[in-house]
Each structure stands twice: as structure tokens, then as C-alpha cells.
Amino acid sequence: MPITHLDDEGRAHMVDVSDKPVTAREAIAQATVHLGPVAAKAVRDGAVKKGDVLAVAQVAGVMAAKSTSTIIPLCHPLPLSGVALRFTWEGDDLNVVATVRTTGQTGVEMEALTAVTVAALTVYDMVKALERGIRIGNVGLLHKSGGQTGDWHAAGAPNL
């Protein structure tokens, strides 16, 4: 029987995972913040008046991963064993990658996706006064491991 968030009467409910085995689980997600040259230079140079953009975005991403079940209605609260964010540049584009780990009965894909999305939104918030037209895109899962379905790797994603 496939896992669903609808009960027999078609009502939304949190899936019962109590019969699932506890396994080590990991998810890696990414997002890209498409900055213009002015904002990208300010972030690189540490010249944003609001502060260290990447440090604040990193903390925001970790906090978001830890809070996922409070903002995504049917997510299980999970004891996260690790949340790491890293940032890389491709021209004026800032790539945000989050790796989230737990040992539990359900995966951490939503936590990784929430982490990169909130980190990207934080970058946007901190530099929006410097440049118009900043966009967030390419949000997606790159990799997951653990659980009944085992490992999965997005087509075309780098080896992580």
C-alpha cells in the first residue's frame, strides 16, 4: 500500500511511521539565488550593511531545518543529528546546498529543502535594497539515502 497523506475518508493526516525501521537517513538539497553584479559583489566583499549575509543565511537554514514540522503541516518532528549548509558561487549566482541527517523512521528531505529555501530567502532579504530583480530558483532535492527506498540521486546532480 503506498504511503499517502489522506486517510480512508479522504482527510489529510500525518502518516503513521511507527512500523517503519529506524535507519540512518540523509538528504541533500540545493537552491540558487540569482543575484545581480552589485549585490553579488557586496556579499562577496562583506559590504552589506545588514551584516555577514552568508553567516546569517547559514543560521537561518539550520533553524529552518529544525522547525520544518512546525511550518509544513504533515511533516513529522525529527531529532536531527546534523544540518550543514555550504555556499558556492557561479558568476553572480549563489548556490546554497544543505545536508541534513537523522536516524529515524522517516526521511529528512523536507528539512533539507526547507533549509535551502529559507537560507535563500534570507540572502534575498539582506540584499534586496541593493538590487532589483534578484530571483530564487533551482530548488530541489539532489540526494537521499536511508529508509525502505534506499539511495536516490538526482539525474545530472554532482556526486555528493
N, C-alpha and C. Protein backbone atom coordinates (compact mmCIF):
# COMPACT_ATOMS: atom_id res chain seq x y z
N MET A 1 0.84 -1.18 0.00
CA MET A 1 0.00 0.00 0.00
C MET A 1 0.88 1.24 0.00
N PRO A 2 0.67 2.15 -0.93
CA PRO A 2 1.50 3.36 -0.98
C PRO A 2 1.23 4.28 0.21
N ILE A 3 2.26 4.98 0.60
CA ILE A 3 2.10 5.95 1.68
C ILE A 3 1.32 7.14 1.13
N THR A 4 0.35 7.58 1.88
CA THR A 4 -0.45 8.72 1.47
C THR A 4 -0.74 9.60 2.68
N HIS A 5 -0.98 10.85 2.41
CA HIS A 5 -1.36 11.78 3.47
C HIS A 5 -2.87 11.93 3.55
N LEU A 6 -3.59 11.01 2.92
CA LEU A 6 -5.06 11.00 3.02
C LEU A 6 -5.49 9.72 3.69
N ASP A 7 -6.45 9.84 4.61
CA ASP A 7 -6.96 8.64 5.27
C ASP A 7 -8.03 7.99 4.39
N ASP A 8 -8.66 6.95 4.91
CA ASP A 8 -9.68 6.21 4.15
C ASP A 8 -10.87 7.06 3.77
N GLU A 9 -11.07 8.16 4.47
CA GLU A 9 -12.19 9.05 4.18
C GLU A 9 -11.77 10.27 3.36
N GLY A 10 -10.50 10.29 2.91
CA GLY A 10 -10.01 11.39 2.09
C GLY A 10 -9.57 12.62 2.87
N ARG A 11 -9.42 12.48 4.17
CA ARG A 11 -8.99 13.60 5.00
C ARG A 11 -7.47 13.55 5.19
N ALA A 12 -6.87 14.72 5.26
CA ALA A 12 -5.43 14.80 5.48
C ALA A 12 -5.08 14.31 6.88
N HIS A 13 -3.97 13.58 6.96
CA HIS A 13 -3.48 13.12 8.26
C HIS A 13 -1.98 12.88 8.17
N MET A 14 -1.34 12.86 9.31
CA MET A 14 0.09 12.54 9.36
C MET A 14 0.24 11.02 9.23
N VAL A 15 1.10 10.60 8.32
CA VAL A 15 1.33 9.18 8.10
C VAL A 15 1.90 8.55 9.37
N ASP A 16 1.41 7.38 9.73
CA ASP A 16 1.92 6.65 10.89
C ASP A 16 3.16 5.87 10.46
N VAL A 17 4.30 6.23 11.01
CA VAL A 17 5.56 5.57 10.65
C VAL A 17 6.04 4.63 11.75
N SER A 18 5.20 4.33 12.71
CA SER A 18 5.65 3.55 13.86
C SER A 18 6.12 2.14 13.50
N ASP A 19 5.66 1.58 12.40
CA ASP A 19 6.09 0.25 11.99
C ASP A 19 7.33 0.27 11.09
N LYS A 20 7.80 1.45 10.72
CA LYS A 20 8.97 1.54 9.85
C LYS A 20 10.24 1.35 10.67
N PRO A 21 11.26 0.74 10.07
CA PRO A 21 12.52 0.56 10.82
C PRO A 21 13.26 1.88 11.00
N VAL A 22 14.00 1.98 12.07
CA VAL A 22 14.87 3.13 12.30
C VAL A 22 16.14 2.91 11.48
N THR A 23 16.45 3.86 10.62
CA THR A 23 17.68 3.79 9.81
C THR A 23 18.34 5.15 9.77
N ALA A 24 19.62 5.16 9.43
CA ALA A 24 20.34 6.42 9.20
C ALA A 24 19.82 7.00 7.89
N ARG A 25 19.51 8.28 7.90
CA ARG A 25 18.94 8.93 6.73
C ARG A 25 19.66 10.25 6.48
N GLU A 26 19.77 10.57 5.20
CA GLU A 26 20.42 11.82 4.80
C GLU A 26 19.70 12.37 3.58
N ALA A 27 19.61 13.68 3.51
CA ALA A 27 19.07 14.34 2.32
C ALA A 27 19.93 15.56 2.02
N ILE A 28 20.15 15.79 0.73
CA ILE A 28 20.91 16.95 0.28
C ILE A 28 20.03 17.69 -0.72
N ALA A 29 19.85 18.99 -0.48
CA ALA A 29 19.03 19.82 -1.36
C ALA A 29 19.82 21.07 -1.75
N GLN A 30 19.34 21.72 -2.79
CA GLN A 30 20.00 22.94 -3.24
C GLN A 30 18.98 24.00 -3.63
N ALA A 31 19.43 25.23 -3.65
CA ALA A 31 18.68 26.37 -4.19
C ALA A 31 19.72 27.32 -4.77
N THR A 32 19.30 28.13 -5.73
CA THR A 32 20.20 29.12 -6.31
C THR A 32 19.57 30.49 -6.15
N VAL A 33 20.38 31.44 -5.68
CA VAL A 33 19.95 32.83 -5.61
C VAL A 33 20.65 33.54 -6.77
N HIS A 34 19.84 34.02 -7.71
CA HIS A 34 20.36 34.72 -8.88
C HIS A 34 20.47 36.20 -8.52
N LEU A 35 21.67 36.59 -8.12
CA LEU A 35 21.94 37.98 -7.73
C LEU A 35 22.46 38.74 -8.95
N GLY A 36 22.31 40.02 -8.93
CA GLY A 36 22.96 40.85 -9.94
C GLY A 36 24.37 41.16 -9.50
N PRO A 37 25.13 41.84 -10.35
CA PRO A 37 26.55 42.09 -10.04
C PRO A 37 26.76 42.96 -8.80
N VAL A 38 25.89 43.91 -8.54
CA VAL A 38 26.06 44.79 -7.38
C VAL A 38 25.88 44.01 -6.08
N ALA A 39 24.79 43.28 -6.00
CA ALA A 39 24.52 42.50 -4.78
C ALA A 39 25.55 41.40 -4.59
N ALA A 40 25.92 40.71 -5.67
CA ALA A 40 26.91 39.63 -5.56
C ALA A 40 28.24 40.17 -5.04
N LYS A 41 28.67 41.31 -5.57
CA LYS A 41 29.93 41.90 -5.11
C LYS A 41 29.85 42.29 -3.64
N ALA A 42 28.74 42.88 -3.24
CA ALA A 42 28.58 43.29 -1.84
C ALA A 42 28.63 42.08 -0.90
N VAL A 43 27.98 40.98 -1.29
CA VAL A 43 28.01 39.78 -0.46
C VAL A 43 29.43 39.23 -0.39
N ARG A 44 30.08 39.10 -1.55
CA ARG A 44 31.46 38.57 -1.59
C ARG A 44 32.42 39.42 -0.75
N ASP A 45 32.24 40.74 -0.83
CA ASP A 45 33.15 41.67 -0.15
C ASP A 45 32.79 41.91 1.32
N GLY A 46 31.70 41.33 1.78
CA GLY A 46 31.27 41.57 3.16
C GLY A 46 30.84 43.01 3.38
N ALA A 47 30.27 43.62 2.33
CA ALA A 47 29.94 45.05 2.38
C ALA A 47 28.44 45.30 2.50
N VAL A 48 27.67 44.32 2.94
CA VAL A 48 26.23 44.51 3.11
C VAL A 48 26.00 45.10 4.49
N LYS A 49 25.30 46.23 4.54
CA LYS A 49 25.12 46.95 5.81
C LYS A 49 24.40 46.14 6.87
N LYS A 50 23.56 45.18 6.47
CA LYS A 50 22.83 44.37 7.44
C LYS A 50 23.73 43.34 8.13
N GLY A 51 24.93 43.10 7.60
CA GLY A 51 25.84 42.17 8.24
C GLY A 51 26.35 41.10 7.30
N ASP A 52 26.94 40.07 7.87
CA ASP A 52 27.52 38.95 7.13
C ASP A 52 26.38 38.09 6.56
N VAL A 53 26.09 38.28 5.30
CA VAL A 53 24.94 37.64 4.66
C VAL A 53 25.02 36.12 4.76
N LEU A 54 26.15 35.55 4.45
CA LEU A 54 26.25 34.09 4.44
C LEU A 54 26.19 33.49 5.84
N ALA A 55 26.73 34.17 6.82
CA ALA A 55 26.65 33.68 8.19
C ALA A 55 25.20 33.69 8.68
N VAL A 56 24.49 34.77 8.38
CA VAL A 56 23.10 34.86 8.81
C VAL A 56 22.25 33.83 8.06
N ALA A 57 22.50 33.67 6.75
CA ALA A 57 21.75 32.69 5.96
C ALA A 57 22.02 31.27 6.45
N GLN A 58 23.24 31.00 6.87
CA GLN A 58 23.57 29.68 7.39
C GLN A 58 22.79 29.38 8.66
N VAL A 59 22.76 30.32 9.56
CA VAL A 59 22.00 30.13 10.80
C VAL A 59 20.51 29.99 10.48
N ALA A 60 20.00 30.80 9.57
CA ALA A 60 18.59 30.72 9.19
C ALA A 60 18.26 29.35 8.61
N GLY A 61 19.15 28.80 7.79
CA GLY A 61 18.93 27.49 7.21
C GLY A 61 18.89 26.39 8.26
N VAL A 62 19.79 26.45 9.21
CA VAL A 62 19.81 25.46 10.30
C VAL A 62 18.52 25.58 11.12
N MET A 63 18.15 26.78 11.47
CA MET A 63 16.92 26.99 12.24
C MET A 63 15.69 26.49 11.48
N ALA A 64 15.68 26.73 10.17
CA ALA A 64 14.55 26.30 9.35
C ALA A 64 14.44 24.78 9.31
N ALA A 65 15.57 24.10 9.15
CA ALA A 65 15.55 22.64 9.14
C ALA A 65 14.97 22.11 10.44
N LYS A 66 15.39 22.71 11.55
CA LYS A 66 14.91 22.27 12.86
C LYS A 66 13.43 22.58 13.07
N SER A 67 12.89 23.53 12.33
CA SER A 67 11.50 23.97 12.50
C SER A 67 10.55 23.44 11.43
N THR A 68 11.02 22.58 10.57
CA THR A 68 10.22 22.17 9.42
C THR A 68 8.84 21.65 9.82
N SER A 69 8.76 20.82 10.82
CA SER A 69 7.46 20.25 11.18
C SER A 69 6.49 21.28 11.73
N THR A 70 6.98 22.45 12.09
CA THR A 70 6.06 23.49 12.57
C THR A 70 5.49 24.34 11.44
N ILE A 71 6.08 24.24 10.25
CA ILE A 71 5.58 25.05 9.13
C ILE A 71 5.04 24.21 7.96
N ILE A 72 5.40 22.94 7.89
CA ILE A 72 4.84 22.03 6.89
C ILE A 72 3.87 21.12 7.65
N PRO A 73 2.58 21.26 7.43
CA PRO A 73 1.59 20.67 8.33
C PRO A 73 1.72 19.18 8.61
N LEU A 74 2.07 18.35 7.66
CA LEU A 74 2.03 16.90 7.89
C LEU A 74 3.41 16.28 8.08
N CYS A 75 4.44 17.11 8.24
CA CYS A 75 5.79 16.59 8.50
C CYS A 75 5.91 16.13 9.94
N HIS A 76 6.68 15.08 10.11
CA HIS A 76 6.96 14.57 11.46
C HIS A 76 8.06 15.41 12.10
N PRO A 77 7.97 15.71 13.38
CA PRO A 77 9.10 16.34 14.06
C PRO A 77 10.22 15.30 14.20
N LEU A 78 11.41 15.67 13.81
CA LEU A 78 12.52 14.73 13.79
C LEU A 78 13.68 15.22 14.64
N PRO A 79 14.36 14.30 15.30
CA PRO A 79 15.59 14.67 16.01
C PRO A 79 16.74 14.70 15.00
N LEU A 80 17.11 15.87 14.56
CA LEU A 80 18.17 15.99 13.56
C LEU A 80 19.53 15.79 14.20
N SER A 81 20.36 14.99 13.56
CA SER A 81 21.70 14.76 14.09
C SER A 81 22.72 15.66 13.43
N GLY A 82 22.37 16.27 12.31
CA GLY A 82 23.29 17.18 11.65
C GLY A 82 22.59 18.00 10.59
N VAL A 83 22.97 19.28 10.52
CA VAL A 83 22.50 20.18 9.46
C VAL A 83 23.70 21.02 9.06
N ALA A 84 24.08 20.94 7.79
CA ALA A 84 25.21 21.73 7.30
C ALA A 84 24.80 22.44 6.03
N LEU A 85 25.15 23.71 5.93
CA LEU A 85 24.91 24.48 4.71
C LEU A 85 26.23 24.93 4.15
N ARG A 86 26.31 24.93 2.83
CA ARG A 86 27.50 25.48 2.18
C ARG A 86 27.06 26.34 1.00
N PHE A 87 27.89 27.29 0.68
CA PHE A 87 27.59 28.27 -0.36
C PHE A 87 28.73 28.27 -1.37
N THR A 88 28.37 28.26 -2.65
CA THR A 88 29.36 28.36 -3.72
C THR A 88 28.86 29.36 -4.75
N TRP A 89 29.80 29.95 -5.45
CA TRP A 89 29.48 30.96 -6.45
C TRP A 89 29.66 30.41 -7.85
N GLU A 90 28.75 30.76 -8.74
CA GLU A 90 28.89 30.57 -10.18
C GLU A 90 28.56 31.92 -10.80
N GLY A 91 29.58 32.71 -11.07
CA GLY A 91 29.35 34.08 -11.52
C GLY A 91 28.66 34.85 -10.42
N ASP A 92 27.51 35.46 -10.75
CA ASP A 92 26.75 36.21 -9.75
C ASP A 92 25.66 35.36 -9.10
N ASP A 93 25.65 34.07 -9.38
CA ASP A 93 24.68 33.16 -8.79
C ASP A 93 25.28 32.51 -7.54
N LEU A 94 24.52 32.53 -6.46
CA LEU A 94 24.94 31.90 -5.22
C LEU A 94 24.18 30.60 -5.06
N ASN A 95 24.90 29.48 -5.03
CA ASN A 95 24.29 28.17 -4.81
C ASN A 95 24.33 27.85 -3.32
N VAL A 96 23.19 27.43 -2.82
CA VAL A 96 23.04 27.05 -1.41
C VAL A 96 22.77 25.55 -1.39
N VAL A 97 23.57 24.81 -0.64
CA VAL A 97 23.40 23.36 -0.52
C VAL A 97 23.29 23.01 0.96
N ALA A 98 22.27 22.23 1.29
CA ALA A 98 22.09 21.79 2.68
C ALA A 98 22.16 20.28 2.74
N THR A 99 22.86 19.78 3.73
CA THR A 99 22.90 18.35 4.03
C THR A 99 22.30 18.17 5.42
N VAL A 100 21.28 17.32 5.50
CA VAL A 100 20.58 17.10 6.76
C VAL A 100 20.60 15.60 7.05
N ARG A 101 20.88 15.26 8.32
CA ARG A 101 20.95 13.85 8.72
C ARG A 101 20.12 13.59 9.97
N THR A 102 19.63 12.36 10.05
CA THR A 102 18.94 11.87 11.24
C THR A 102 19.05 10.36 11.26
N THR A 103 18.71 9.79 12.38
CA THR A 103 18.48 8.36 12.48
C THR A 103 17.05 8.23 12.96
N GLY A 104 16.19 7.71 12.10
CA GLY A 104 14.78 7.68 12.45
C GLY A 104 13.97 6.82 11.51
N GLN A 105 12.66 7.03 11.59
CA GLN A 105 11.71 6.21 10.84
C GLN A 105 11.18 6.90 9.59
N THR A 106 11.61 8.12 9.36
CA THR A 106 11.20 8.83 8.15
C THR A 106 12.33 9.75 7.72
N GLY A 107 12.31 10.12 6.46
CA GLY A 107 13.42 10.86 5.87
C GLY A 107 13.45 12.34 6.19
N VAL A 108 14.53 12.99 5.76
CA VAL A 108 14.76 14.40 6.05
C VAL A 108 14.78 15.26 4.78
N GLU A 109 14.09 14.79 3.74
CA GLU A 109 14.05 15.57 2.51
C GLU A 109 13.43 16.95 2.72
N MET A 110 12.31 16.99 3.44
CA MET A 110 11.64 18.27 3.66
C MET A 110 12.50 19.21 4.49
N GLU A 111 13.25 18.68 5.42
CA GLU A 111 14.13 19.52 6.23
C GLU A 111 15.24 20.12 5.38
N ALA A 112 15.81 19.34 4.47
CA ALA A 112 16.86 19.86 3.59
C ALA A 112 16.31 20.92 2.64
N LEU A 113 15.13 20.65 2.07
CA LEU A 113 14.50 21.61 1.17
C LEU A 113 14.12 22.90 1.90
N THR A 114 13.63 22.77 3.11
CA THR A 114 13.27 23.95 3.90
C THR A 114 14.52 24.75 4.24
N ALA A 115 15.60 24.07 4.58
CA ALA A 115 16.85 24.76 4.93
C ALA A 115 17.36 25.61 3.78
N VAL A 116 17.42 25.05 2.56
CA VAL A 116 17.96 25.85 1.44
C VAL A 116 17.02 26.97 1.04
N THR A 117 15.73 26.71 1.15
CA THR A 117 14.77 27.75 0.76
C THR A 117 14.83 28.94 1.72
N VAL A 118 14.86 28.67 3.01
CA VAL A 118 14.91 29.77 3.98
C VAL A 118 16.27 30.46 3.93
N ALA A 119 17.34 29.73 3.72
CA ALA A 119 18.65 30.37 3.58
C ALA A 119 18.65 31.30 2.36
N ALA A 120 18.08 30.84 1.26
CA ALA A 120 18.00 31.68 0.05
C ALA A 120 17.12 32.91 0.29
N LEU A 121 16.00 32.74 0.97
CA LEU A 121 15.14 33.88 1.29
C LEU A 121 15.85 34.87 2.20
N THR A 122 16.68 34.37 3.09
CA THR A 122 17.44 35.25 3.98
C THR A 122 18.44 36.09 3.19
N VAL A 123 19.13 35.45 2.24
CA VAL A 123 20.04 36.21 1.36
C VAL A 123 19.25 37.30 0.65
N TYR A 124 18.12 36.93 0.07
CA TYR A 124 17.27 37.89 -0.63
C TYR A 124 16.92 39.06 0.29
N ASP A 125 16.45 38.76 1.47
CA ASP A 125 16.04 39.81 2.41
C ASP A 125 17.19 40.75 2.74
N MET A 126 18.37 40.22 2.88
CA MET A 126 19.51 41.04 3.31
C MET A 126 20.06 41.92 2.20
N VAL A 127 19.82 41.56 0.92
CA VAL A 127 20.40 42.34 -0.19
C VAL A 127 19.37 42.99 -1.10
N LYS A 128 18.10 42.83 -0.81
CA LYS A 128 17.05 43.32 -1.71
C LYS A 128 17.14 44.83 -1.94
N ALA A 129 17.66 45.58 -1.00
CA ALA A 129 17.77 47.04 -1.17
C ALA A 129 18.89 47.42 -2.13
N LEU A 130 19.80 46.49 -2.39
CA LEU A 130 20.94 46.79 -3.25
C LEU A 130 20.64 46.62 -4.73
N GLU A 131 19.69 45.76 -5.03
CA GLU A 131 19.48 45.43 -6.44
C GLU A 131 18.08 44.83 -6.62
N ARG A 132 17.41 45.26 -7.66
CA ARG A 132 16.11 44.70 -8.01
C ARG A 132 16.33 43.49 -8.92
N GLY A 133 15.35 42.65 -9.01
CA GLY A 133 15.43 41.53 -9.95
C GLY A 133 16.12 40.29 -9.41
N ILE A 134 16.43 40.24 -8.13
CA ILE A 134 17.01 39.03 -7.55
C ILE A 134 15.96 37.93 -7.60
N ARG A 135 16.37 36.74 -7.99
CA ARG A 135 15.45 35.60 -8.09
C ARG A 135 16.01 34.40 -7.34
N ILE A 136 15.11 33.59 -6.85
CA ILE A 136 15.48 32.32 -6.23
C ILE A 136 14.95 31.22 -7.13
N GLY A 137 15.78 30.24 -7.43
CA GLY A 137 15.34 29.15 -8.30
C GLY A 137 16.13 27.89 -8.06
N ASN A 138 15.89 26.93 -8.93
CA ASN A 138 16.60 25.64 -8.88
C ASN A 138 16.50 24.96 -7.53
N VAL A 139 15.37 25.11 -6.86
CA VAL A 139 15.20 24.45 -5.56
C VAL A 139 14.86 22.99 -5.83
N GLY A 140 15.63 22.10 -5.26
CA GLY A 140 15.33 20.70 -5.47
C GLY A 140 16.20 19.77 -4.63
N LEU A 141 15.75 18.55 -4.58
CA LEU A 141 16.48 17.51 -3.87
C LEU A 141 17.56 16.95 -4.78
N LEU A 142 18.78 16.84 -4.27
CA LEU A 142 19.89 16.28 -5.03
C LEU A 142 20.13 14.81 -4.71
N HIS A 143 19.90 14.45 -3.43
CA HIS A 143 20.27 13.11 -2.98
C HIS A 143 19.50 12.77 -1.72
N LYS A 144 19.17 11.49 -1.57
CA LYS A 144 18.63 10.99 -0.32
C LYS A 144 19.15 9.59 -0.10
N SER A 145 19.30 9.22 1.15
CA SER A 145 19.71 7.86 1.46
C SER A 145 19.01 7.41 2.73
N GLY A 146 18.90 6.09 2.87
CA GLY A 146 18.26 5.50 4.04
C GLY A 146 16.81 5.16 3.78
N GLY A 147 16.25 4.38 4.67
CA GLY A 147 14.86 4.00 4.56
C GLY A 147 14.62 2.87 3.59
N GLN A 148 13.35 2.56 3.38
CA GLN A 148 12.96 1.42 2.54
C GLN A 148 13.38 1.59 1.08
N THR A 149 13.36 2.83 0.59
CA THR A 149 13.68 3.04 -0.83
C THR A 149 15.17 3.20 -1.08
N GLY A 150 15.98 3.27 -0.03
CA GLY A 150 17.43 3.33 -0.18
C GLY A 150 17.92 4.63 -0.78
N ASP A 151 19.01 4.53 -1.54
CA ASP A 151 19.65 5.72 -2.09
C ASP A 151 18.95 6.20 -3.36
N TRP A 152 18.92 7.51 -3.51
CA TRP A 152 18.41 8.15 -4.73
C TRP A 152 19.29 9.34 -5.01
N HIS A 153 19.61 9.55 -6.29
CA HIS A 153 20.46 10.64 -6.71
C HIS A 153 19.82 11.30 -7.92
N ALA A 154 19.65 12.60 -7.88
CA ALA A 154 19.01 13.34 -8.98
C ALA A 154 19.84 13.22 -10.25
N ALA A 155 19.18 13.00 -11.36
CA ALA A 155 19.87 12.94 -12.66
C ALA A 155 20.60 14.24 -12.91
N GLY A 156 21.84 14.16 -13.29
CA GLY A 156 22.64 15.33 -13.60
C GLY A 156 23.20 16.06 -12.39
N ALA A 157 22.85 15.61 -11.19
CA ALA A 157 23.38 16.27 -9.98
C ALA A 157 24.83 15.84 -9.77
N PRO A 158 25.64 16.72 -9.18
CA PRO A 158 27.02 16.34 -8.90
C PRO A 158 27.08 15.21 -7.87
N ASN A 159 28.15 14.46 -7.91
CA ASN A 159 28.34 13.42 -6.88
C ASN A 159 28.63 14.11 -5.56
N LEU A 160 27.82 13.76 -4.58
CA LEU A 160 27.96 14.43 -3.27
C LEU A 160 28.37 13.44 -2.20
